[in-house]
């Protein structure tokens, strides 16, 4: 006869105690540790900016009022550096060339990226391929790009004149002609830098609601009317910011005149930044170079402040 199993009460599920919330002191300590870690990561970036951006800028302002030569103690010169730079015959030519370059860059280099972005935005096939093709020039080092265009512009065996001869068209001196050198440099700068601008425009265009285009089409708007009344107003903020950045960048053009033309011919491509380079490294006049740098800094700062003020006031009234 089998024994009946001893009846036992059902086992109760283990009850885990709910951990008590950490005290306020522990929470504050943990918050302080997190903040200290975050500021520690930011400290490296702040040190880099302070060492390589802020200190050189402040030092340049100080040297602009000194007679400074590497290896010898600086001497206070007051405004003598500014007076000497203002009376330099190349001063007026450098500012004229820089402003002309900026104007041509706005006429040529500002419209082309926007049109390319509109075209790429309408593509239905191979869109990624053409984006890569447009962005490829940005990945080429600026000096390499300038050297390629220098060979392209060669009046003898350059590819540009060879193509014109093949088409039975008159050739040009390109970067070797006083009348065409600056325009040639604008083409180089536009080709080398428009890839990033095109991608930014593409991102802005893709954020425009499609319903607006559909409503415009129902109202009978053609392509140009849709661009004027839908695309431009919806991407206005991006257009204004890119215009400001392009003006600031083109006012500091240096690589193209330095590599391709050397400031020539007949000072036709001497820019403000190239003149700063000549003062510092050819004339060994760091005081004059810093004085010219301060002038450029003040002009760009004043222009940026006025530009942002005007755009903000227009946005407020819109």
Protein backbone atom coordinates (compact mmCIF):
# COMPACT_ATOMS: atom_id res chain seq x y z
CA UNK A 1 0.00 0.00 0.00
CA UNK A 2 1.58 3.30 -1.19
CA UNK A 3 2.00 6.12 1.14
CA UNK A 4 0.02 9.15 0.37
CA UNK A 5 2.24 12.08 -0.37
CA UNK A 6 2.34 14.52 2.40
CA UNK A 7 0.31 17.51 1.39
CA UNK A 8 2.30 20.69 1.52
CA UNK A 9 1.04 24.25 1.15
CA UNK A 10 1.75 25.86 -2.25
CA UNK A 11 4.99 27.79 -2.38
CA UNK A 12 4.58 31.51 -2.42
CA UNK A 13 6.26 33.59 -5.10
CA UNK A 14 9.33 35.39 -3.92
CA UNK A 15 8.57 39.00 -3.26
CA UNK A 16 11.46 41.31 -4.17
CA UNK A 17 11.52 44.47 -2.17
CA UNK A 18 11.19 47.67 -4.20
CA UNK A 19 14.48 49.56 -3.94
CA UNK A 20 14.13 52.79 -2.19
CA UNK A 21 14.93 55.88 -4.30
CA UNK A 22 18.41 57.22 -3.74
CA UNK A 23 18.59 60.04 -1.30
CA UNK A 24 18.72 63.59 -2.51
CA UNK A 25 22.42 63.85 -1.72
CA UNK A 26 23.23 60.91 -4.02
CA UNK A 27 21.15 62.38 -6.83
CA UNK A 28 22.94 65.71 -6.55
CA UNK A 29 26.31 63.98 -6.50
CA UNK A 30 25.45 61.97 -9.60
CA UNK A 31 24.23 65.10 -11.37
CA UNK A 32 27.45 66.91 -10.52
CA UNK A 33 29.51 64.00 -11.85
CA UNK A 34 27.57 64.02 -15.14
CA UNK A 35 27.98 67.76 -15.51
CA UNK A 36 31.69 67.56 -14.72
CA UNK A 37 32.12 64.85 -17.36
CA UNK A 38 30.26 66.95 -19.95
CA UNK A 39 32.32 70.06 -19.20
CA UNK A 40 35.45 67.93 -19.37
CA UNK A 41 34.60 66.93 -22.94
CA UNK A 42 33.88 70.57 -23.83
CA UNK A 43 37.14 71.72 -22.29
CA UNK A 44 39.22 70.18 -25.08
CA UNK A 45 37.29 72.05 -27.75
CA UNK A 46 37.44 75.30 -25.80
CA UNK A 47 41.21 74.96 -25.40
CA UNK A 48 41.64 74.34 -29.13
CA UNK A 49 39.56 77.41 -29.96
CA UNK A 50 41.42 79.51 -27.42
CA UNK A 51 44.85 78.38 -28.61
CA UNK A 52 44.33 78.36 -32.38
CA UNK A 53 41.57 80.94 -32.94
CA UNK A 54 41.06 83.42 -30.13
CA UNK A 55 44.68 83.92 -29.09
CA UNK A 56 45.96 84.50 -32.68
CA UNK A 57 43.12 86.96 -33.32
CA UNK A 58 43.86 88.95 -30.16
CA UNK A 59 47.60 88.75 -30.84
CA UNK A 60 47.08 90.06 -34.38
CA UNK A 61 45.17 93.08 -33.06
CA UNK A 62 48.05 93.85 -30.68
CA UNK A 63 50.75 93.43 -33.37
CA UNK A 64 48.79 95.76 -35.68
CA UNK A 65 49.90 98.62 -33.39
CA UNK A 66 53.50 97.42 -33.07
CA UNK A 67 56.66 97.18 -35.11
CA UNK A 68 57.21 93.47 -34.98
CA UNK A 69 59.87 91.25 -36.52
CA UNK A 70 60.33 87.63 -35.46
CA UNK A 71 63.33 87.29 -33.19
CA UNK A 72 63.32 90.87 -31.94
CA UNK A 73 61.23 92.53 -29.21
CA UNK A 74 58.17 94.41 -30.50
CA UNK A 75 58.00 98.19 -30.27
CA UNK A 76 54.87 100.29 -30.00
CA UNK A 77 54.12 102.03 -33.32
CA UNK A 78 50.62 103.40 -32.83
CA UNK A 79 48.74 103.77 -36.10
CA UNK A 80 51.88 103.86 -38.26
CA UNK A 81 51.16 100.40 -39.70
CA UNK A 82 47.66 101.43 -40.77
CA UNK A 83 48.99 104.63 -42.38
CA UNK A 84 51.67 102.74 -44.30
CA UNK A 85 49.21 100.13 -45.54
CA UNK A 86 46.69 102.76 -46.64
CA UNK A 87 49.35 104.50 -48.77
CA UNK A 88 50.47 101.28 -50.43
CA UNK A 89 49.69 101.36 -54.20
CA UNK A 90 48.57 97.73 -54.00
CA UNK A 91 46.04 98.48 -51.26
CA UNK A 92 43.38 99.95 -53.56
CA UNK A 93 43.97 97.25 -56.19
CA UNK A 94 43.61 94.47 -53.60
CA UNK A 95 40.30 95.80 -52.27
CA UNK A 96 38.98 96.46 -55.78
CA UNK A 97 39.86 92.93 -56.90
CA UNK A 98 38.41 91.40 -53.74
CA UNK A 99 35.09 93.23 -54.06
CA UNK A 100 34.90 92.43 -57.78
CA UNK A 101 35.62 88.78 -57.05
CA UNK A 102 32.87 88.74 -54.41
CA UNK A 103 30.36 90.34 -56.79
CA UNK A 104 31.19 87.92 -59.61
CA UNK A 105 31.02 84.99 -57.19
CA UNK A 106 27.50 86.06 -56.20
CA UNK A 107 26.41 86.40 -59.82
CA UNK A 108 27.98 83.12 -60.94
CA UNK A 109 28.60 81.00 -57.89
CA UNK A 110 25.39 81.71 -56.01
CA UNK A 111 22.85 81.02 -58.75
CA UNK A 112 24.44 77.88 -60.24
CA UNK A 113 24.27 75.76 -57.03
CA UNK A 114 20.61 76.69 -56.54
CA UNK A 115 19.72 75.73 -60.12
CA UNK A 116 21.64 72.45 -59.80
CA UNK A 117 19.81 71.67 -56.57
CA UNK A 118 16.47 72.27 -58.31
CA UNK A 119 17.46 69.93 -61.13
CA UNK A 120 18.72 67.21 -58.78
CA UNK A 121 15.59 67.51 -56.68
CA UNK A 122 13.44 66.75 -59.76
CA UNK A 123 15.41 63.64 -60.75
CA UNK A 124 13.74 60.29 -60.28
CA UNK A 125 16.64 58.02 -61.26
CA UNK A 126 20.37 57.98 -60.40
CA UNK A 127 19.82 60.74 -57.86
CA UNK A 128 22.53 59.45 -55.49
CA UNK A 129 25.03 59.14 -58.34
CA UNK A 130 24.63 62.74 -59.46
CA UNK A 131 24.87 63.97 -55.86
CA UNK A 132 28.22 62.25 -55.53
CA UNK A 133 29.37 63.71 -58.86
CA UNK A 134 28.41 67.23 -57.76
CA UNK A 135 30.13 66.82 -54.38
CA UNK A 136 33.36 65.27 -55.73
CA UNK A 137 35.21 68.62 -56.28
CA UNK A 138 34.81 69.45 -52.59
CA UNK A 139 36.79 66.33 -51.65
CA UNK A 140 39.77 67.41 -53.79
CA UNK A 141 42.33 69.41 -51.79
CA UNK A 142 42.10 73.10 -52.75
CA UNK A 143 45.74 73.33 -53.87
CA UNK A 144 45.39 70.24 -56.07
CA UNK A 145 42.21 71.65 -57.57
CA UNK A 146 43.93 74.97 -58.30
CA UNK A 147 46.90 73.21 -59.94
CA UNK A 148 44.54 71.20 -62.17
CA UNK A 149 42.82 74.39 -63.29
CA UNK A 150 46.16 76.09 -63.84
CA UNK A 151 47.02 73.38 -66.36
CA UNK A 152 43.50 73.61 -67.79
CA UNK A 153 43.91 77.36 -68.35
CA UNK A 154 47.38 77.11 -69.92
CA UNK A 155 47.22 79.32 -73.06
CA UNK A 156 49.42 76.94 -75.02
CA UNK A 157 48.52 73.30 -74.47
CA UNK A 158 45.73 73.78 -71.92
CA UNK A 159 42.55 71.78 -72.29
CA UNK A 160 40.37 74.91 -72.44
CA UNK A 161 42.07 76.33 -75.53
CA UNK A 162 42.36 72.88 -77.10
CA UNK A 163 38.59 72.51 -76.82
CA UNK A 164 38.10 75.96 -78.38
CA UNK A 165 40.44 75.08 -81.26
CA UNK A 166 38.52 71.85 -81.83
CA UNK A 167 35.31 73.87 -82.10
CA UNK A 168 37.04 76.44 -84.36
CA UNK A 169 36.49 79.19 -81.81
CA UNK A 170 38.94 81.92 -80.80
CA UNK A 171 41.19 81.04 -77.88
CA UNK A 172 41.70 83.07 -74.70
CA UNK A 173 44.52 83.90 -72.32
CA UNK A 174 42.29 82.85 -69.40
CA UNK A 175 44.26 83.31 -66.17
CA UNK A 176 47.16 84.97 -68.02
CA UNK A 177 45.11 87.89 -69.29
CA UNK A 178 44.49 90.98 -67.18
CA UNK A 179 40.86 91.19 -68.36
CA UNK A 180 39.99 87.51 -67.92
CA UNK A 181 42.12 86.40 -64.96
CA UNK A 182 39.67 87.34 -62.21
CA UNK A 183 36.69 85.74 -63.98
CA UNK A 184 38.77 82.58 -64.47
CA UNK A 185 39.45 82.42 -60.74
CA UNK A 186 35.75 82.86 -59.97
CA UNK A 187 34.99 79.83 -62.16
CA UNK A 188 37.60 77.79 -60.30
CA UNK A 189 36.24 78.79 -56.87
CA UNK A 190 32.66 78.09 -57.94
CA UNK A 191 33.51 74.63 -59.28
CA UNK A 192 35.56 73.70 -56.22
CA UNK A 193 33.11 74.84 -53.52
CA UNK A 194 29.59 74.49 -54.88
CA UNK A 195 29.13 70.81 -53.90
CA UNK A 196 28.42 71.49 -50.25
CA UNK A 197 26.09 74.38 -51.13
CA UNK A 198 24.12 72.16 -53.52
CA UNK A 199 23.59 69.52 -50.83
CA UNK A 200 22.39 72.14 -48.34
CA UNK A 201 19.93 73.48 -50.90
CA UNK A 202 18.76 69.92 -51.60
CA UNK A 203 18.06 69.35 -47.92
CA UNK A 204 16.08 72.61 -47.80
CA UNK A 205 14.11 71.75 -50.95
CA UNK A 206 13.14 68.33 -49.62
CA UNK A 207 11.68 69.95 -46.51
CA UNK A 208 9.19 71.97 -48.57
CA UNK A 209 5.70 70.42 -48.20
CA UNK A 210 4.51 68.80 -51.42
CA UNK A 211 0.99 70.10 -50.86
CA UNK A 212 2.19 73.61 -51.69
CA UNK A 213 3.42 72.51 -55.12
CA UNK A 214 0.19 70.61 -55.74
CA UNK A 215 -1.88 73.66 -54.85
CA UNK A 216 0.28 75.82 -57.14
CA UNK A 217 -0.17 73.35 -60.01
CA UNK A 218 -3.95 73.35 -59.51
CA UNK A 219 -3.86 77.14 -59.74
CA UNK A 220 -2.10 76.83 -63.10
CA UNK A 221 1.40 77.90 -62.00
CA UNK A 222 4.24 76.88 -64.31
CA UNK A 223 7.71 75.80 -63.20
CA UNK A 224 9.17 79.29 -62.86
CA UNK A 225 6.12 80.50 -60.96
CA UNK A 226 6.32 77.55 -58.57
CA UNK A 227 9.99 78.29 -57.93
CA UNK A 228 9.30 81.99 -57.38
CA UNK A 229 6.18 81.70 -55.18
CA UNK A 230 6.79 78.38 -53.39
CA UNK A 231 10.43 77.31 -53.46
CA UNK A 232 12.14 80.63 -52.78
CA UNK A 233 9.84 81.73 -49.89
CA UNK A 234 10.06 78.30 -48.24
CA UNK A 235 13.89 78.19 -48.46
CA UNK A 236 14.44 81.90 -47.84
CA UNK A 237 16.23 81.47 -44.53
CA UNK A 238 18.73 78.99 -46.00
CA UNK A 239 19.32 81.23 -49.03
CA UNK A 240 20.04 84.27 -46.86
CA UNK A 241 22.42 82.38 -44.56
CA UNK A 242 24.32 80.83 -47.46
CA UNK A 243 24.60 84.24 -49.11
CA UNK A 244 26.17 85.67 -45.96
CA UNK A 245 28.58 82.74 -45.65
CA UNK A 246 29.55 82.99 -49.31
CA UNK A 247 30.25 86.72 -49.10
CA UNK A 248 32.44 86.22 -46.02
CA UNK A 249 34.27 83.32 -47.70
CA UNK A 250 34.86 85.04 -51.04
CA UNK A 251 36.17 88.16 -49.32
CA UNK A 252 38.93 85.90 -47.96
CA UNK A 253 39.91 84.27 -51.27
CA UNK A 254 43.58 83.29 -51.29
CA UNK A 255 44.30 79.81 -52.70
CA UNK A 256 43.28 80.49 -56.31
CA UNK A 257 45.29 83.73 -56.84
CA UNK A 258 48.25 82.32 -54.90
CA UNK A 259 48.51 79.05 -56.84
CA UNK A 260 47.20 79.95 -60.31
CA UNK A 261 48.17 83.56 -60.99
CA UNK A 262 50.49 84.67 -58.20
CA UNK A 263 48.54 87.92 -57.97
CA UNK A 264 49.17 88.78 -61.63
CA UNK A 265 49.05 89.72 -64.33
CA UNK A 266 49.64 93.38 -63.47
CA UNK A 267 48.11 92.94 -60.00
CA UNK A 268 44.81 91.97 -61.62
CA UNK A 269 44.24 89.16 -59.08
CA UNK A 270 45.90 90.55 -55.95
CA UNK A 271 43.34 90.16 -53.18
CA UNK A 272 43.33 91.42 -49.62
CA UNK A 273 44.35 88.06 -48.18
CA UNK A 274 47.08 87.66 -50.78
CA UNK A 275 48.38 91.13 -49.89
CA UNK A 276 48.41 90.10 -46.22
CA UNK A 277 50.54 87.11 -47.20
CA UNK A 278 52.95 89.35 -49.10
CA UNK A 279 53.33 91.72 -46.15
CA UNK A 280 54.02 88.90 -43.71
CA UNK A 281 56.15 86.44 -45.68
CA UNK A 282 57.65 88.48 -48.53
CA UNK A 283 58.12 91.91 -46.93
CA UNK A 284 58.66 90.51 -43.39
CA UNK A 285 56.30 93.23 -42.16
CA UNK A 286 54.03 91.50 -39.66
CA UNK A 287 52.75 94.79 -38.31
CA UNK A 288 51.43 95.80 -41.73
CA UNK A 289 49.97 92.32 -42.30
CA UNK A 290 48.12 92.43 -38.99
CA UNK A 291 46.89 95.98 -39.66
CA UNK A 292 45.42 94.85 -42.97
CA UNK A 293 43.92 91.80 -41.24
CA UNK A 294 42.22 94.03 -38.65
CA UNK A 295 40.74 96.16 -41.44
CA UNK A 296 39.33 93.06 -43.11
CA UNK A 297 38.00 91.77 -39.79
CA UNK A 298 36.23 95.05 -39.01
CA UNK A 299 34.70 95.24 -42.47
CA UNK A 300 33.40 91.66 -42.40
CA UNK A 301 32.15 92.07 -38.83
CA UNK A 302 30.28 95.27 -39.65
CA UNK A 303 28.82 93.80 -42.82
CA UNK A 304 27.68 90.63 -41.02
CA UNK A 305 26.04 92.63 -38.23
CA UNK A 306 24.16 94.90 -40.66
CA UNK A 307 23.17 91.95 -42.86
CA UNK A 308 21.80 89.94 -39.95
CA UNK A 309 19.97 92.97 -38.59
CA UNK A 310 18.30 93.64 -41.94
CA UNK A 311 17.31 90.01 -42.50
CA UNK A 312 15.88 89.71 -38.99
CA UNK A 313 13.85 92.90 -39.41
CA UNK A 314 12.49 91.59 -42.73
CA UNK A 315 11.55 88.30 -41.09
CA UNK A 316 9.76 90.18 -38.33
CA UNK A 317 7.67 92.17 -40.80
CA UNK A 318 6.95 89.16 -43.04
